[in-house]
Structure formats: C-alpha cells, structure tokens
Amino acid sequence: MRQFLEFVTACPRLPHGGLAAAEIAVVPAQPKGSLPRAHTCTNELQLPSYDSLEELSAKLREAMDNARGMYE
C-alpha cells in the first residue's frame, strides 16, 4: 500500500480520513496494455485496460518499481 500511495500521491502514508480522503482519481489511458502512469500533483492514476487481473497487477508493480523517487 505504501508504494502505491507514493506512486500516485508522492506520500507513502494515508491522509487523515483514510483512502477516501486521498481523493485518487482513476482515469482510462491508452494504449491498451501499457504501463500505468500517475500524476502526483493531482492524485491521478492513468490506467490502461488489461486482459486480466494478473496483467494489471504485474504492470502496476512494474510501473511502481521503475518510478521510485520520480514524480510527475
């Protein structure tokens, strides 16, 4: 959870009020199957479509692993 929060919000901790208070917007992205992207200034996760939950999990993990310390 910490790595996901840092990827999307640039802060590894939940704000007071929990996940709902983080106000993370999930928006569709192209092309299908590409890596997810995040905009930390707006707490936005750009999420392409995937063929399976396993593919989503693998792509999100890869994106988070490759983005450590780099914020957009």
PDB file of N, CA and C in Angstrom:
ATOM      1  N   MET A   1       0.823  -1.196   0.000  1.00  0.00           N
ATOM      2  CA  MET A   1       0.000   0.000   0.000  1.00  0.00           C
ATOM      3  C   MET A   1       0.865   1.257   0.000  1.00  0.00           C
ATOM      4  N   ARG A   2       1.965   1.223   0.754  1.00  0.00           N
ATOM      5  CA  ARG A   2       2.838   2.405   0.825  1.00  0.00           C
ATOM      6  C   ARG A   2       3.396   2.771  -0.543  1.00  0.00           C
ATOM      7  N   GLN A   3       3.841   1.769  -1.281  1.00  0.00           N
ATOM      8  CA  GLN A   3       4.432   2.022  -2.591  1.00  0.00           C
ATOM      9  C   GLN A   3       3.372   2.559  -3.563  1.00  0.00           C
ATOM     10  N   PHE A   4       2.160   2.026  -3.501  1.00  0.00           N
ATOM     11  CA  PHE A   4       1.074   2.519  -4.348  1.00  0.00           C
ATOM     12  C   PHE A   4       0.762   3.975  -4.022  1.00  0.00           C
ATOM     13  N   LEU A   5       0.626   4.290  -2.743  1.00  0.00           N
ATOM     14  CA  LEU A   5       0.331   5.670  -2.346  1.00  0.00           C
ATOM     15  C   LEU A   5       1.422   6.628  -2.791  1.00  0.00           C
ATOM     16  N   GLU A   6       2.675   6.217  -2.643  1.00  0.00           N
ATOM     17  CA  GLU A   6       3.764   7.085  -3.080  1.00  0.00           C
ATOM     18  C   GLU A   6       3.745   7.260  -4.597  1.00  0.00           C
ATOM     19  N   PHE A   7       3.418   6.200  -5.329  1.00  0.00           N
ATOM     20  CA  PHE A   7       3.355   6.265  -6.785  1.00  0.00           C
ATOM     21  C   PHE A   7       2.287   7.255  -7.241  1.00  0.00           C
ATOM     22  N   VAL A   8       1.138   7.264  -6.588  1.00  0.00           N
ATOM     23  CA  VAL A   8       0.017   8.096  -7.037  1.00  0.00           C
ATOM     24  C   VAL A   8      -0.021   9.469  -6.374  1.00  0.00           C
ATOM     25  N   THR A   9       0.430   9.562  -5.116  1.00  0.00           N
ATOM     26  CA  THR A   9       0.285  10.826  -4.382  1.00  0.00           C
ATOM     27  C   THR A   9       1.604  11.469  -3.967  1.00  0.00           C
ATOM     28  N   ALA A  10       2.717  10.755  -4.105  1.00  0.00           N
ATOM     29  CA  ALA A  10       4.051  11.192  -3.660  1.00  0.00           C
ATOM     30  C   ALA A  10       4.189  11.175  -2.141  1.00  0.00           C
ATOM     31  N   CYS A  11       3.219  10.599  -1.450  1.00  0.00           N
ATOM     32  CA  CYS A  11       3.275  10.469   0.002  1.00  0.00           C
ATOM     33  C   CYS A  11       2.952   9.021   0.360  1.00  0.00           C
ATOM     34  N   PRO A  12       3.833   8.335   1.093  1.00  0.00           N
ATOM     35  CA  PRO A  12       3.613   6.923   1.377  1.00  0.00           C
ATOM     36  C   PRO A  12       2.606   6.640   2.490  1.00  0.00           C
ATOM     37  N   ARG A  13       2.002   7.677   3.059  1.00  0.00           N
ATOM     38  CA  ARG A  13       1.040   7.473   4.141  1.00  0.00           C
ATOM     39  C   ARG A  13      -0.330   8.003   3.753  1.00  0.00           C
ATOM     40  N   LEU A  14      -1.358   7.353   4.299  1.00  0.00           N
ATOM     41  CA  LEU A  14      -2.718   7.824   4.068  1.00  0.00           C
ATOM     42  C   LEU A  14      -2.945   9.144   4.794  1.00  0.00           C
ATOM     43  N   PRO A  15      -3.720  10.043   4.213  1.00  0.00           N
ATOM     44  CA  PRO A  15      -4.067  11.267   4.925  1.00  0.00           C
ATOM     45  C   PRO A  15      -5.083  10.962   6.023  1.00  0.00           C
ATOM     46  N   HIS A  16      -5.256  11.904   6.921  1.00  0.00           N
ATOM     47  CA  HIS A  16      -6.284  11.760   7.944  1.00  0.00           C
ATOM     48  C   HIS A  16      -7.623  11.581   7.227  1.00  0.00           C
ATOM     49  N   GLY A  17      -8.343  10.552   7.571  1.00  0.00           N
ATOM     50  CA  GLY A  17      -9.599  10.268   6.889  1.00  0.00           C
ATOM     51  C   GLY A  17      -9.516   9.054   5.982  1.00  0.00           C
ATOM     52  N   GLY A  18      -8.298   8.486   5.828  1.00  0.00           N
ATOM     53  CA  GLY A  18      -8.142   7.249   5.080  1.00  0.00           C
ATOM     54  C   GLY A  18      -8.064   7.408   3.577  1.00  0.00           C
ATOM     55  N   LEU A  19      -8.251   6.300   2.890  1.00  0.00           N
ATOM     56  CA  LEU A  19      -8.093   6.249   1.439  1.00  0.00           C
ATOM     57  C   LEU A  19      -9.062   7.185   0.721  1.00  0.00           C
ATOM     58  N   ALA A  20     -10.268   7.302   1.212  1.00  0.00           N
ATOM     59  CA  ALA A  20     -11.237   8.204   0.583  1.00  0.00           C
ATOM     60  C   ALA A  20     -10.748   9.646   0.614  1.00  0.00           C
ATOM     61  N   ALA A  21     -10.054  10.019   1.673  1.00  0.00           N
ATOM     62  CA  ALA A  21      -9.548  11.381   1.793  1.00  0.00           C
ATOM     63  C   ALA A  21      -8.391  11.663   0.841  1.00  0.00           C
ATOM     64  N   ALA A  22      -7.761  10.617   0.317  1.00  0.00           N
ATOM     65  CA  ALA A  22      -6.674  10.808  -0.646  1.00  0.00           C
ATOM     66  C   ALA A  22      -7.203  11.292  -1.983  1.00  0.00           C
ATOM     67  N   GLU A  23      -8.481  11.054  -2.252  1.00  0.00           N
ATOM     68  CA  GLU A  23      -9.148  11.515  -3.473  1.00  0.00           C
ATOM     69  C   GLU A  23      -8.351  11.145  -4.723  1.00  0.00           C
ATOM     70  N   ILE A  24      -8.067   9.859  -4.865  1.00  0.00           N
ATOM     71  CA  ILE A  24      -7.334   9.368  -6.032  1.00  0.00           C
ATOM     72  C   ILE A  24      -8.308   9.191  -7.190  1.00  0.00           C
ATOM     73  N   ALA A  25      -8.023   9.871  -8.289  1.00  0.00           N
ATOM     74  CA  ALA A  25      -8.841   9.743  -9.494  1.00  0.00           C
ATOM     75  C   ALA A  25      -8.203   8.701 -10.411  1.00  0.00           C
ATOM     76  N   VAL A  26      -8.998   7.755 -10.867  1.00  0.00           N
ATOM     77  CA  VAL A  26      -8.530   6.742 -11.807  1.00  0.00           C
ATOM     78  C   VAL A  26      -9.166   7.051 -13.158  1.00  0.00           C
ATOM     79  N   VAL A  27      -8.312   7.288 -14.161  1.00  0.00           N
ATOM     80  CA  VAL A  27      -8.804   7.633 -15.496  1.00  0.00           C
ATOM     81  C   VAL A  27      -8.256   6.648 -16.520  1.00  0.00           C
ATOM     82  N   PRO A  28      -9.002   6.400 -17.586  1.00  0.00           N
ATOM     83  CA  PRO A  28      -8.519   5.467 -18.610  1.00  0.00           C
ATOM     84  C   PRO A  28      -7.324   6.037 -19.354  1.00  0.00           C
ATOM     85  N   ALA A  29      -6.478   5.150 -19.844  1.00  0.00           N
ATOM     86  CA  ALA A  29      -5.286   5.559 -20.596  1.00  0.00           C
ATOM     87  C   ALA A  29      -5.116   4.639 -21.802  1.00  0.00           C
ATOM     88  N   GLN A  30      -4.352   5.098 -22.748  1.00  0.00           N
ATOM     89  CA  GLN A  30      -4.032   4.341 -23.960  1.00  0.00           C
ATOM     90  C   GLN A  30      -2.529   4.252 -24.081  1.00  0.00           C
ATOM     91  N   PRO A  31      -1.972   3.330 -24.769  1.00  0.00           N
ATOM     92  CA  PRO A  31      -2.637   2.220 -25.441  1.00  0.00           C
ATOM     93  C   PRO A  31      -2.909   1.081 -24.463  1.00  0.00           C
ATOM     94  N   LYS A  32      -3.812   0.215 -24.850  1.00  0.00           N
ATOM     95  CA  LYS A  32      -4.161  -0.945 -24.046  1.00  0.00           C
ATOM     96  C   LYS A  32      -2.902  -1.747 -23.722  1.00  0.00           C
ATOM     97  N   GLY A  33      -2.768  -2.160 -22.466  1.00  0.00           N
ATOM     98  CA  GLY A  33      -1.648  -2.991 -22.053  1.00  0.00           C
ATOM     99  C   GLY A  33      -0.374  -2.237 -21.705  1.00  0.00           C
ATOM    100  N   SER A  34      -0.363  -0.910 -21.856  1.00  0.00           N
ATOM    101  CA  SER A  34       0.842  -0.153 -21.500  1.00  0.00           C
ATOM    102  C   SER A  34       0.940  -0.006 -19.979  1.00  0.00           C
ATOM    103  N   LEU A  35       2.038   0.554 -19.516  1.00  0.00           N
ATOM    104  CA  LEU A  35       2.216   0.744 -18.078  1.00  0.00           C
ATOM    105  C   LEU A  35       1.306   1.857 -17.567  1.00  0.00           C
ATOM    106  N   PRO A  36       0.798   1.709 -16.348  1.00  0.00           N
ATOM    107  CA  PRO A  36       0.040   2.795 -15.731  1.00  0.00           C
ATOM    108  C   PRO A  36       0.961   3.998 -15.501  1.00  0.00           C
ATOM    109  N   ARG A  37       0.366   5.181 -15.474  1.00  0.00           N
ATOM    110  CA  ARG A  37       1.095   6.406 -15.173  1.00  0.00           C
ATOM    111  C   ARG A  37       0.353   7.128 -14.056  1.00  0.00           C
ATOM    112  N   ALA A  38       1.072   7.967 -13.341  1.00  0.00           N
ATOM    113  CA  ALA A  38       0.437   8.718 -12.260  1.00  0.00           C
ATOM    114  C   ALA A  38       0.886  10.170 -12.313  1.00  0.00           C
ATOM    115  N   HIS A  39      -0.015  11.047 -11.920  1.00  0.00           N
ATOM    116  CA  HIS A  39       0.284  12.475 -11.773  1.00  0.00           C
ATOM    117  C   HIS A  39       0.082  12.805 -10.302  1.00  0.00           C
ATOM    118  N   THR A  40       1.190  12.935  -9.585  1.00  0.00           N
ATOM    119  CA  THR A  40       1.108  13.112  -8.139  1.00  0.00           C
ATOM    120  C   THR A  40       0.531  14.466  -7.735  1.00  0.00           C
ATOM    121  N   CYS A  41       0.647  15.470  -8.583  1.00  0.00           N
ATOM    122  CA  CYS A  41       0.121  16.790  -8.209  1.00  0.00           C
ATOM    123  C   CYS A  41      -1.405  16.801  -8.161  1.00  0.00           C
ATOM    124  N   THR A  42      -2.038  15.883  -8.890  1.00  0.00           N
ATOM    125  CA  THR A  42      -3.497  15.814  -8.899  1.00  0.00           C
ATOM    126  C   THR A  42      -4.027  14.488  -8.353  1.00  0.00           C
ATOM    127  N   ASN A  43      -3.145  13.638  -7.837  1.00  0.00           N
ATOM    128  CA  ASN A  43      -3.527  12.310  -7.325  1.00  0.00           C
ATOM    129  C   ASN A  43      -4.308  11.526  -8.379  1.00  0.00           C
ATOM    130  N   GLU A  44      -3.759  11.496  -9.585  1.00  0.00           N
ATOM    131  CA  GLU A  44      -4.423  10.838 -10.702  1.00  0.00           C
ATOM    132  C   GLU A  44      -3.647   9.606 -11.146  1.00  0.00           C
ATOM    133  N   LEU A  45      -4.357   8.496 -11.284  1.00  0.00           N
ATOM    134  CA  LEU A  45      -3.782   7.262 -11.794  1.00  0.00           C
ATOM    135  C   LEU A  45      -4.361   7.020 -13.177  1.00  0.00           C
ATOM    136  N   GLN A  46      -3.496   7.044 -14.182  1.00  0.00           N
ATOM    137  CA  GLN A  46      -3.928   6.765 -15.552  1.00  0.00           C
ATOM    138  C   GLN A  46      -3.727   5.284 -15.789  1.00  0.00           C
ATOM    139  N   LEU A  47      -4.835   4.578 -15.974  1.00  0.00           N
ATOM    140  CA  LEU A  47      -4.814   3.127 -16.001  1.00  0.00           C
ATOM    141  C   LEU A  47      -5.330   2.606 -17.342  1.00  0.00           C
ATOM    142  N   PRO A  48      -4.443   1.998 -18.148  1.00  0.00           N
ATOM    143  CA  PRO A  48      -4.892   1.378 -19.397  1.00  0.00           C
ATOM    144  C   PRO A  48      -5.732   0.131 -19.097  1.00  0.00           C
ATOM    145  N   SER A  49      -6.397  -0.390 -20.094  1.00  0.00           N
ATOM    146  CA  SER A  49      -7.150  -1.632 -19.895  1.00  0.00           C
ATOM    147  C   SER A  49      -6.210  -2.826 -20.065  1.00  0.00           C
ATOM    148  N   TYR A  50      -6.531  -3.892 -19.361  1.00  0.00           N
ATOM    149  CA  TYR A  50      -5.737  -5.123 -19.384  1.00  0.00           C
ATOM    150  C   TYR A  50      -6.665  -6.309 -19.583  1.00  0.00           C
ATOM    151  N   ASP A  51      -6.103  -7.411 -20.044  1.00  0.00           N
ATOM    152  CA  ASP A  51      -6.892  -8.609 -20.297  1.00  0.00           C
ATOM    153  C   ASP A  51      -7.176  -9.428 -19.044  1.00  0.00           C
ATOM    154  N   SER A  52      -6.427  -9.180 -17.970  1.00  0.00           N
ATOM    155  CA  SER A  52      -6.640  -9.961 -16.752  1.00  0.00           C
ATOM    156  C   SER A  52      -6.190  -9.166 -15.527  1.00  0.00           C
ATOM    157  N   LEU A  53      -6.646  -9.603 -14.384  1.00  0.00           N
ATOM    158  CA  LEU A  53      -6.232  -9.004 -13.120  1.00  0.00           C
ATOM    159  C   LEU A  53      -4.744  -9.237 -12.894  1.00  0.00           C
ATOM    160  N   GLU A  54      -4.254 -10.382 -13.320  1.00  0.00           N
ATOM    161  CA  GLU A  54      -2.829 -10.694 -13.177  1.00  0.00           C
ATOM    162  C   GLU A  54      -1.971  -9.726 -13.995  1.00  0.00           C
ATOM    163  N   GLU A  55      -2.415  -9.401 -15.219  1.00  0.00           N
ATOM    164  CA  GLU A  55      -1.680  -8.445 -16.052  1.00  0.00           C
ATOM    165  C   GLU A  55      -1.704  -7.056 -15.417  1.00  0.00           C
ATOM    166  N   LEU A  56      -2.849  -6.650 -14.900  1.00  0.00           N
ATOM    167  CA  LEU A  56      -2.950  -5.360 -14.201  1.00  0.00           C
ATOM    168  C   LEU A  56      -1.969  -5.311 -13.042  1.00  0.00           C
ATOM    169  N   SER A  57      -1.954  -6.355 -12.228  1.00  0.00           N
ATOM    170  CA  SER A  57      -1.068  -6.411 -11.077  1.00  0.00           C
ATOM    171  C   SER A  57       0.400  -6.328 -11.489  1.00  0.00           C
ATOM    172  N   ALA A  58       0.784  -7.080 -12.512  1.00  0.00           N
ATOM    173  CA  ALA A  58       2.177  -7.086 -12.970  1.00  0.00           C
ATOM    174  C   ALA A  58       2.583  -5.727 -13.536  1.00  0.00           C
ATOM    175  N   LYS A  59       1.716  -5.111 -14.330  1.00  0.00           N
ATOM    176  CA  LYS A  59       2.037  -3.805 -14.932  1.00  0.00           C
ATOM    177  C   LYS A  59       2.106  -2.712 -13.872  1.00  0.00           C
ATOM    178  N   LEU A  60       1.203  -2.754 -12.903  1.00  0.00           N
ATOM    179  CA  LEU A  60       1.226  -1.749 -11.842  1.00  0.00           C
ATOM    180  C   LEU A  60       2.481  -1.904 -10.999  1.00  0.00           C
ATOM    181  N   ARG A  61       2.849  -3.124 -10.680  1.00  0.00           N
ATOM    182  CA  ARG A  61       4.076  -3.379  -9.912  1.00  0.00           C
ATOM    183  C   ARG A  61       5.294  -2.868 -10.682  1.00  0.00           C
ATOM    184  N   GLU A  62       5.368  -3.163 -11.983  1.00  0.00           N
ATOM    185  CA  GLU A  62       6.492  -2.698 -12.799  1.00  0.00           C
ATOM    186  C   GLU A  62       6.566  -1.177 -12.830  1.00  0.00           C
ATOM    187  N   ALA A  63       5.429  -0.534 -12.997  1.00  0.00           N
ATOM    188  CA  ALA A  63       5.402   0.929 -13.028  1.00  0.00           C
ATOM    189  C   ALA A  63       5.864   1.513 -11.695  1.00  0.00           C
ATOM    190  N   MET A  64       5.384   0.952 -10.589  1.00  0.00           N
ATOM    191  CA  MET A  64       5.774   1.456  -9.270  1.00  0.00           C
ATOM    192  C   MET A  64       7.255   1.222  -9.004  1.00  0.00           C
ATOM    193  N   ASP A  65       7.757   0.048  -9.383  1.00  0.00           N
ATOM    194  CA  ASP A  65       9.171  -0.265  -9.165  1.00  0.00           C
ATOM    195  C   ASP A  65      10.075   0.669  -9.964  1.00  0.00           C
ATOM    196  N   ASN A  66       9.666   1.038 -11.158  1.00  0.00           N
ATOM    197  CA  ASN A  66      10.507   1.881 -12.021  1.00  0.00           C
ATOM    198  C   ASN A  66      10.358   3.372 -11.749  1.00  0.00           C
ATOM    199  N   ALA A  67       9.391   3.754 -10.930  1.00  0.00           N
ATOM    200  CA  ALA A  67       9.139   5.167 -10.694  1.00  0.00           C
ATOM    201  C   ALA A  67       9.594   5.665  -9.336  1.00  0.00           C
ATOM    202  N   ARG A  68      10.269   4.827  -8.573  1.00  0.00           N
ATOM    203  CA  ARG A  68      10.661   5.238  -7.209  1.00  0.00           C
ATOM    204  C   ARG A  68      11.450   6.538  -7.206  1.00  0.00           C
ATOM    205  N   GLY A  69      10.902   7.515  -6.466  1.00  0.00           N
ATOM    206  CA  GLY A  69      11.568   8.799  -6.309  1.00  0.00           C
ATOM    207  C   GLY A  69      11.398   9.745  -7.485  1.00  0.00           C
ATOM    208  N   MET A  70      10.721   9.324  -8.521  1.00  0.00           N
ATOM    209  CA  MET A  70      10.498  10.199  -9.678  1.00  0.00           C
ATOM    210  C   MET A  70       9.018  10.533  -9.732  1.00  0.00           C
ATOM    211  N   TYR A  71       8.697  11.809  -9.590  1.00  0.00           N
ATOM    212  CA  TYR A  71       7.300  12.223  -9.561  1.00  0.00           C
ATOM    213  C   TYR A  71       6.996  13.118 -10.748  1.00  0.00           C
ATOM    214  N   GLU A  72       5.761  13.015 -11.224  1.00  0.00           N
ATOM    215  CA  GLU A  72       5.330  13.849 -12.334  1.00  0.00           C
ATOM    216  C   GLU A  72       4.185  14.725 -11.878  1.00  0.00           C
TER     217      GLU A  72
END
